[in-house]
C-alpha atoms as a PDB file:
ATOM      1  CA  MET A   1      -0.058   0.026   0.013  1.00  0.00           C
ATOM      2  CA  SER A   2       1.239   3.449  -0.800  1.00  0.00           C
ATOM      3  CA  GLY A   3       1.967   6.106   1.823  1.00  0.00           C
ATOM      4  CA  GLY A   4       0.978   9.746   1.749  1.00  0.00           C
ATOM      5  CA  ASP A   5      -2.069   9.369   4.006  1.00  0.00           C
ATOM      6  CA  ALA A   6      -1.456  12.584   6.008  1.00  0.00           C
ATOM      7  CA  LYS A   7      -4.475  14.887   6.475  1.00  0.00           C
ATOM      8  CA  LYS A   8      -4.993  18.599   6.749  1.00  0.00           C
ATOM      9  CA  LEU A   9      -7.707  20.856   8.206  1.00  0.00           C
ATOM     10  CA  VAL A  10      -9.444  23.056   5.630  1.00  0.00           C
ATOM     11  CA  ARG A  11     -12.295  25.505   5.850  1.00  0.00           C
ATOM     12  CA  SER A  12     -14.971  25.601   3.256  1.00  0.00           C
ATOM     13  CA  PRO A  13     -18.158  27.670   3.121  1.00  0.00           C
ATOM     14  CA  SER A  14     -19.869  24.651   4.692  1.00  0.00           C
ATOM     15  CA  GLY A  15     -17.527  24.167   7.658  1.00  0.00           C
ATOM     16  CA  LEU A  16     -14.256  22.627   8.792  1.00  0.00           C
ATOM     17  CA  ARG A  17     -13.121  19.491   7.020  1.00  0.00           C
ATOM     18  CA  MET A  18     -10.243  17.031   7.744  1.00  0.00           C
ATOM     19  CA  VAL A  19      -9.209  15.898   4.313  1.00  0.00           C
ATOM     20  CA  PRO A  20      -6.207  13.971   2.883  1.00  0.00           C
ATOM     21  CA  GLU A  21      -3.341  16.148   1.692  1.00  0.00           C
ATOM     22  CA  HIS A  22      -3.400  14.342  -1.628  1.00  0.00           C
ATOM     23  CA  ARG A  23      -6.651  13.733  -3.432  1.00  0.00           C
ATOM     24  CA  ALA A  24      -5.382  10.329  -4.609  1.00  0.00           C
ATOM     25  CA  ALA A  25      -5.442   9.315  -0.906  1.00  0.00           C
ATOM     26  CA  ARG A  26      -9.108  10.085  -0.285  1.00  0.00           C
ATOM     27  CA  SER A  27     -11.443   7.400   0.871  1.00  0.00           C
ATOM     28  CA  PRO A  28     -13.307   5.539  -1.944  1.00  0.00           C
ATOM     29  CA  PHE A  29     -16.531   6.065   0.040  1.00  0.00           C
ATOM     30  CA  GLY A  30     -16.170   9.814   0.136  1.00  0.00           C
ATOM     31  CA  LEU A  31     -18.356  12.382  -1.551  1.00  0.00           C
ATOM     32  CA  ASP A  32     -17.314  15.802  -2.941  1.00  0.00           C
ATOM     33  CA  GLU A  33     -19.005  18.940  -1.467  1.00  0.00           C
ATOM     34  CA  PRO A  34     -21.881  19.935  -3.807  1.00  0.00           C
ATOM     35  CA  PRO A  35     -21.958  23.287  -5.463  1.00  0.00           C
ATOM     36  CA  TRP A  36     -24.456  25.586  -3.657  1.00  0.00           C
ATOM     37  CA  VAL A  37     -27.459  26.849  -5.554  1.00  0.00           C
ATOM     38  CA  PRO A  38     -26.728  30.569  -5.968  1.00  0.00           C
ATOM     39  CA  ASP A  39     -28.747  32.832  -3.631  1.00  0.00           C
ATOM     40  CA  LYS A  40     -30.209  34.844  -6.652  1.00  0.00           C
ATOM     41  CA  GLU A  41     -31.651  31.650  -8.092  1.00  0.00           C
ATOM     42  CA  CYS A  42     -33.638  30.668  -5.008  1.00  0.00           C
ATOM     43  CA  PRO A  43     -36.105  33.372  -3.944  1.00  0.00           C
ATOM     44  CA  ARG A  44     -38.217  30.652  -2.179  1.00  0.00           C
ATOM     45  CA  CYS A  45     -37.504  27.620   0.017  1.00  0.00           C
ATOM     46  CA  MET A  46     -36.967  24.602  -2.305  1.00  0.00           C
ATOM     47  CA  GLN A  47     -39.026  22.421   0.077  1.00  0.00           C
ATOM     48  CA  CYS A  48     -42.030  24.380   1.405  1.00  0.00           C
ATOM     49  CA  ASP A  49     -41.979  27.301  -1.145  1.00  0.00           C
ATOM     50  CA  THR A  50     -41.865  29.925   1.655  1.00  0.00           C
ATOM     51  CA  LYS A  51     -40.652  33.307   0.261  1.00  0.00           C
ATOM     52  CA  PHE A  52     -37.363  34.484   1.686  1.00  0.00           C
ATOM     53  CA  ASP A  53     -37.182  38.004   3.233  1.00  0.00           C
ATOM     54  CA  PHE A  54     -35.435  39.835   6.014  1.00  0.00           C
ATOM     55  CA  ILE A  55     -36.971  37.600   8.661  1.00  0.00           C
ATOM     56  CA  THR A  56     -37.085  34.255   6.774  1.00  0.00           C
ATOM     57  CA  ARG A  57     -33.434  33.651   5.955  1.00  0.00           C
ATOM     58  CA  LYS A  58     -32.131  31.110   3.501  1.00  0.00           C
ATOM     59  CA  HIS A  59     -29.858  28.214   4.360  1.00  0.00           C
ATOM     60  CA  HIS A  60     -27.945  25.755   2.160  1.00  0.00           C
ATOM     61  CA  CYS A  61     -27.956  21.974   2.840  1.00  0.00           C
ATOM     62  CA  ARG A  62     -24.283  20.886   3.135  1.00  0.00           C
ATOM     63  CA  ARG A  63     -25.067  17.538   1.431  1.00  0.00           C
ATOM     64  CA  CYS A  64     -27.181  18.541  -1.583  1.00  0.00           C
ATOM     65  CA  GLY A  65     -26.417  22.233  -1.940  1.00  0.00           C
ATOM     66  CA  LYS A  66     -30.079  23.231  -2.253  1.00  0.00           C
ATOM     67  CA  CYS A  67     -31.587  26.256  -0.603  1.00  0.00           C
ATOM     68  CA  PHE A  68     -34.122  26.041   2.279  1.00  0.00           C
ATOM     69  CA  CYS A  69     -35.707  28.040   5.073  1.00  0.00           C
ATOM     70  CA  ASP A  70     -34.585  27.343   8.626  1.00  0.00           C
ATOM     71  CA  LYS A  71     -37.575  25.151   9.334  1.00  0.00           C
ATOM     72  CA  CYS A  72     -36.766  22.805   6.405  1.00  0.00           C
ATOM     73  CA  CYS A  73     -33.051  22.850   7.005  1.00  0.00           C
ATOM     74  CA  SER A  74     -32.591  22.959  10.801  1.00  0.00           C
ATOM     75  CA  LYS A  75     -30.949  19.621  11.584  1.00  0.00           C
ATOM     76  CA  LYS A  76     -27.169  19.453  12.128  1.00  0.00           C
ATOM     77  CA  VAL A  77     -26.049  15.859  11.447  1.00  0.00           C
ATOM     78  CA  PRO A  78     -22.612  14.338  11.089  1.00  0.00           C
ATOM     79  CA  LEU A  79     -21.443  13.934   7.442  1.00  0.00           C
ATOM     80  CA  PRO A  80     -18.313  11.794   7.519  1.00  0.00           C
ATOM     81  CA  ARG A  81     -18.452  11.035   3.797  1.00  0.00           C
ATOM     82  CA  MET A  82     -17.441  14.745   3.168  1.00  0.00           C
ATOM     83  CA  CYS A  83     -14.941  14.747   6.038  1.00  0.00           C
ATOM     84  CA  PHE A  84     -16.719  17.355   8.151  1.00  0.00           C
ATOM     85  CA  VAL A  85     -15.205  17.754  11.618  1.00  0.00           C
ATOM     86  CA  ASP A  86     -18.518  18.667  13.278  1.00  0.00           C
ATOM     87  CA  PRO A  87     -22.191  18.003  12.440  1.00  0.00           C
ATOM     88  CA  VAL A  88     -23.423  20.322   9.687  1.00  0.00           C
ATOM     89  CA  ARG A  89     -26.782  21.736   8.608  1.00  0.00           C
ATOM     90  CA  GLN A  90     -28.711  19.443   6.264  1.00  0.00           C
ATOM     91  CA  CYS A  91     -32.266  19.368   4.856  1.00  0.00           C
ATOM     92  CA  ALA A  92     -34.592  16.712   6.256  1.00  0.00           C
ATOM     93  CA  GLU A  93     -34.186  14.308   3.396  1.00  0.00           C
ATOM     94  CA  CYS A  94     -30.412  14.487   3.403  1.00  0.00           C
ATOM     95  CA  ALA A  95     -30.221  14.310   7.227  1.00  0.00           C
ATOM     96  CA  LEU A  96     -32.058  10.977   7.161  1.00  0.00           C
ATOM     97  CA  VAL A  97     -29.605   9.520   4.636  1.00  0.00           C
ATOM     98  CA  SER A  98     -26.629  10.789   6.663  1.00  0.00           C
ATOM     99  CA  GLN A  99     -28.000   9.413   9.871  1.00  0.00           C
ATOM    100  CA  LYS A 100     -28.284   5.907   8.278  1.00  0.00           C
ATOM    101  CA  GLU A 101     -24.682   6.282   7.080  1.00  0.00           C
ATOM    102  CA  THR A 102     -23.464   7.075  10.567  1.00  0.00           C
ATOM    103  CA  GLU A 103     -24.069   3.467  11.522  1.00  0.00           C
ATOM    104  CA  PHE A 104     -21.724   2.376   8.784  1.00  0.00           C
ATOM    105  CA  TYR A 105     -18.972   4.689   9.969  1.00  0.00           C
ATOM    106  CA  ASP A 106     -19.499   4.072  13.668  1.00  0.00           C
ATOM    107  CA  LYS A 107     -19.921   0.278  13.532  1.00  0.00           C
ATOM    108  CA  GLN A 108     -19.546  -1.512  10.221  1.00  0.00           C
ATOM    109  CA  LEU A 109     -16.384   0.173   9.095  1.00  0.00           C
ATOM    110  CA  LYS A 110     -14.671  -1.089  12.275  1.00  0.00           C
ATOM    111  CA  VAL A 111     -15.938  -4.561  11.551  1.00  0.00           C
ATOM    112  CA  LEU A 112     -14.356  -4.385   8.086  1.00  0.00           C
ATOM    113  CA  MET A 113     -11.054  -3.183   9.484  1.00  0.00           C
ATOM    114  CA  ASN A 114     -10.947  -5.827  12.177  1.00  0.00           C
ATOM    115  CA  GLY A 115     -11.321  -8.497   9.530  1.00  0.00           C
ATOM    116  CA  ALA A 116     -12.734 -12.010   9.280  1.00  0.00           C
ATOM    117  CA  THR A 117     -11.552 -15.408   7.987  1.00  0.00           C
ATOM    118  CA  PHE A 118     -12.643 -17.015   4.739  1.00  0.00           C
ATOM    119  CA  PHE A 119     -11.714 -19.809   2.354  1.00  0.00           C
ATOM    120  CA  VAL A 120     -10.668 -17.745  -0.750  1.00  0.00           C
ATOM    121  CA  THR A 121     -10.655 -19.167  -4.253  1.00  0.00           C
ATOM    122  CA  LEU A 122      -8.951 -17.256  -7.049  1.00  0.00           C
ATOM    123  CA  GLY A 123     -10.456 -17.296 -10.571  1.00  0.00           C
ATOM    124  CA  THR A 124     -11.318 -20.767 -11.842  1.00  0.00           C
ATOM    125  CA  SER A 125      -8.959 -22.640  -9.454  1.00  0.00           C
ATOM    126  CA  ASP A 126     -10.357 -25.614  -7.626  1.00  0.00           C
ATOM    127  CA  LYS A 127      -8.138 -24.889  -4.654  1.00  0.00           C
ATOM    128  CA  SER A 128      -9.025 -22.539  -1.756  1.00  0.00           C
ATOM    129  CA  GLU A 129      -6.786 -20.881   0.778  1.00  0.00           C
ATOM    130  CA  LEU A 130      -7.724 -19.869   4.355  1.00  0.00           C
ATOM    131  CA  MET A 131      -7.170 -16.129   4.579  1.00  0.00           C
ATOM    132  CA  VAL A 132      -7.892 -13.198   6.882  1.00  0.00           C
ATOM    133  CA  CYS A 133      -9.694 -10.440   4.959  1.00  0.00           C
ATOM    134  CA  ARG A 134      -9.767  -6.869   6.240  1.00  0.00           C
ATOM    135  CA  LEU A 135     -10.154  -3.271   4.980  1.00  0.00           C
ATOM    136  CA  SER A 136      -7.061  -1.160   5.333  1.00  0.00           C
ATOM    137  CA  ASN A 137      -7.072   1.690   7.847  1.00  0.00           C
ATOM    138  CA  ASN A 138      -7.209   4.308   5.013  1.00  0.00           C
ATOM    139  CA  GLN A 139     -10.206   2.453   3.600  1.00  0.00           C
ATOM    140  CA  ARG A 140      -8.523   2.167   0.146  1.00  0.00           C
ATOM    141  CA  TYR A 141      -7.539  -1.481   0.044  1.00  0.00           C
ATOM    142  CA  LEU A 142      -8.985  -4.968   0.752  1.00  0.00           C
ATOM    143  CA  VAL A 143      -6.073  -6.848   2.317  1.00  0.00           C
ATOM    144  CA  LEU A 144      -6.008 -10.610   2.243  1.00  0.00           C
ATOM    145  CA  ASP A 145      -3.397 -12.531   4.309  1.00  0.00           C
ATOM    146  CA  GLY A 146      -2.655 -16.301   4.346  1.00  0.00           C
ATOM    147  CA  ASP A 147       0.138 -18.220   2.810  1.00  0.00           C
ATOM    148  CA  SER A 148      -0.426 -15.759  -0.067  1.00  0.00           C
ATOM    149  CA  HIS A 149      -0.942 -12.002   0.197  1.00  0.00           C
ATOM    150  CA  TYR A 150      -3.184  -9.792  -1.821  1.00  0.00           C
ATOM    151  CA  GLU A 151      -4.048  -6.044  -1.758  1.00  0.00           C
ATOM    152  CA  ILE A 152      -7.087  -5.124  -3.821  1.00  0.00           C
ATOM    153  CA  GLU A 153      -7.700  -1.472  -4.404  1.00  0.00           C
ATOM    154  CA  ILE A 154     -11.287  -0.771  -3.508  1.00  0.00           C
ATOM    155  CA  ILE A 155     -11.878   1.512  -6.412  1.00  0.00           C
ATOM    156  CA  GLN A 156     -10.924  -1.343  -8.780  1.00  0.00           C
ATOM    157  CA  ILE A 157     -13.764  -3.572  -7.545  1.00  0.00           C
ATOM    158  CA  SER A 158     -16.436  -3.833 -10.166  1.00  0.00           C
ATOM    159  CA  THR A 159     -19.065  -6.200  -8.669  1.00  0.00           C
ATOM    160  CA  VAL A 160     -19.714  -7.827  -5.298  1.00  0.00           C
ATOM    161  CA  GLN A 161     -22.257 -10.565  -5.000  1.00  0.00           C
ATOM    162  CA  ILE A 162     -23.216 -11.761  -1.476  1.00  0.00           C
ATOM    163  CA  LEU A 163     -23.862 -15.527  -1.245  1.00  0.00           C
ATOM    164  CA  THR A 164     -26.518 -16.617   1.180  1.00  0.00           C
ATOM    165  CA  GLU A 165     -28.243 -19.816   2.457  1.00  0.00           C
ATOM    166  CA  GLY A 166     -31.237 -20.717   4.543  1.00  0.00           C
ATOM    167  CA  PHE A 167     -34.042 -19.260   2.386  1.00  0.00           C
ATOM    168  CA  THR A 168     -37.331 -21.114   2.790  1.00  0.00           C
ATOM    169  CA  PRO A 169     -40.575 -20.790   0.774  1.00  0.00           C
ATOM    170  CA  GLY A 170     -42.223 -19.418   3.957  1.00  0.00           C
ATOM    171  CA  GLY A 171     -39.925 -16.458   4.000  1.00  0.00           C
ATOM    172  CA  GLY A 172     -37.374 -17.712   6.527  1.00  0.00           C
ATOM    173  CA  ASN A 173     -34.204 -15.778   7.287  1.00  0.00           C
ATOM    174  CA  THR A 174     -31.200 -16.064   5.089  1.00  0.00           C
ATOM    175  CA  ARG A 175     -27.638 -16.107   6.291  1.00  0.00           C
ATOM    176  CA  ALA A 176     -24.630 -14.624   4.480  1.00  0.00           C
ATOM    177  CA  ILE A 177     -22.031 -17.373   3.895  1.00  0.00           C
ATOM    178  CA  GLY A 178     -19.713 -15.735   1.364  1.00  0.00           C
ATOM    179  CA  MET A 179     -19.287 -13.436  -1.579  1.00  0.00           C
ATOM    180  CA  ILE A 180     -18.016 -13.346  -5.179  1.00  0.00           C
ATOM    181  CA  LEU A 181     -15.910 -10.320  -5.923  1.00  0.00           C
ATOM    182  CA  GLN A 182     -14.625  -9.129  -9.306  1.00  0.00           C
ATOM    183  CA  TYR A 183     -12.028  -6.474  -9.735  1.00  0.00           C
ATOM    184  CA  LYS A 184      -9.882  -4.960 -12.451  1.00  0.00           C
ATOM    185  CA  VAL A 185      -6.133  -5.528 -12.371  1.00  0.00           C
ATOM    186  CA  PRO A 186      -4.457  -2.063 -12.376  1.00  0.00           C
ATOM    187  CA  GLY A 187      -3.010  -1.155 -15.663  1.00  0.00           C
ATOM    188  CA  SER A 188      -5.132  -3.533 -17.731  1.00  0.00           C
ATOM    189  CA  GLU A 189      -8.745  -4.272 -18.550  1.00  0.00           C
ATOM    190  CA  GLU A 190      -8.441  -7.812 -17.214  1.00  0.00           C
ATOM    191  CA  VAL A 191     -11.092  -8.781 -14.611  1.00  0.00           C
ATOM    192  CA  THR A 192     -10.134 -11.146 -11.793  1.00  0.00           C
ATOM    193  CA  GLN A 193     -12.688 -13.067  -9.714  1.00  0.00           C
ATOM    194  CA  MET A 194     -12.387 -14.178  -6.084  1.00  0.00           C
ATOM    195  CA  LYS A 195     -14.867 -16.338  -4.173  1.00  0.00           C
ATOM    196  CA  PHE A 196     -15.019 -16.038  -0.368  1.00  0.00           C
ATOM    197  CA  ILE A 197     -16.688 -18.770   1.722  1.00  0.00           C
ATOM    198  CA  ALA A 198     -16.954 -18.687   5.507  1.00  0.00           C
ATOM    199  CA  GLY A 199     -15.345 -21.776   7.088  1.00  0.00           C
ATOM    200  CA  GLU A 200     -17.393 -24.376   8.805  1.00  0.00           C
ATOM    201  CA  ASP A 201     -14.951 -25.025  11.660  1.00  0.00           C
ATOM    202  CA  PHE A 202     -15.127 -23.186  14.994  1.00  0.00           C
ATOM    203  CA  SER A 203     -11.931 -21.223  14.469  1.00  0.00           C
ATOM    204  CA  CYS A 204     -13.511 -19.330  11.526  1.00  0.00           C
ATOM    205  CA  ASN A 205     -16.396 -17.895  13.638  1.00  0.00           C
ATOM    206  CA  LYS A 206     -19.273 -17.907  11.218  1.00  0.00           C
ATOM    207  CA  LYS A 207     -21.060 -15.167  13.115  1.00  0.00           C
ATOM    208  CA  LEU A 208     -18.143 -12.827  12.699  1.00  0.00           C
ATOM    209  CA  SER A 209     -17.882 -13.742   9.079  1.00  0.00           C
ATOM    210  CA  ALA A 210     -21.571 -12.996   8.517  1.00  0.00           C
ATOM    211  CA  ALA A 211     -21.232  -9.589  10.195  1.00  0.00           C
ATOM    212  CA  TRP A 212     -18.161  -8.801   8.000  1.00  0.00           C
ATOM    213  CA  LEU A 213     -20.127  -9.719   4.814  1.00  0.00           C
ATOM    214  CA  ALA A 214     -23.090  -7.584   5.876  1.00  0.00           C
ATOM    215  CA  ALA A 215     -20.705  -4.644   6.351  1.00  0.00           C
ATOM    216  CA  MET A 216     -19.088  -5.345   3.007  1.00  0.00           C
ATOM    217  CA  HIS A 217     -22.510  -5.261   1.375  1.00  0.00           C
ATOM    218  CA  LYS A 218     -23.216  -1.855   2.887  1.00  0.00           C
ATOM    219  CA  ALA A 219     -19.760  -0.656   1.830  1.00  0.00           C
ATOM    220  CA  THR A 220     -20.401  -1.721  -1.708  1.00  0.00           C
ATOM    221  CA  LYS A 221     -23.555   0.363  -1.841  1.00  0.00           C
ATOM    222  CA  LEU A 222     -21.705   3.459  -0.666  1.00  0.00           C
ATOM    223  CA  LEU A 223     -18.964   2.739  -3.148  1.00  0.00           C
ATOM    224  CA  TYR A 224     -21.486   2.661  -6.054  1.00  0.00           C
ATOM    225  CA  GLU A 225     -23.085   5.841  -4.811  1.00  0.00           C
ATOM    226  CA  SER A 226     -19.650   7.616  -4.784  1.00  0.00           C
ATOM    227  CA  ARG A 227     -19.135   6.601  -8.376  1.00  0.00           C
ATOM    228  CA  ASP A 228     -22.478   7.828  -9.484  1.00  0.00           C
ATOM    229  CA  GLN A 229     -22.108  11.287  -7.975  1.00  0.00           C
END
């Protein structure tokens, strides 16, 4: 993994942000600050249509950049995907999304960094290797350690399919048992596939593996959203 993960404190119109010194070192789950809708283009609240005047002031949502009155943009919510140091003002819709993401940053990201154990099969091989899989501290690499060692850059991952078992016609609960991951090899258009299966023996701790897979599923959704921005 490359170095250069130092961070710096910067001030934007939206608030203080702790960002990587080099853009290439940013988290793959991060979002750029949106451009603010110019004041002259929003004479009314973009939610309730209240007209702005000396008493009814306009406020910009830090997540979407749209313009709202205080009533429609009063919540201050953490926004770690944009690296804000403190909670920032967001409209009701964006605040709800950010609150859901807080669980990922507070809980599931730690699960991914702590890692879990899987039997990993590379490509079309019929041999699997027991490996500890974890997310690097800078969130940029999926690190696999066993007799072999792999570092997969998160931004190179193209698809993630979670494998489950336990579905019943009556709607019984399913359990995540593994995943199929495809990623591009840097410098080429070649796509490599890896299959991860939770071990059946006690040492592999299937409950921990299931929690890691659930966190990876959420991480994949955030990754796709970052790309679509």
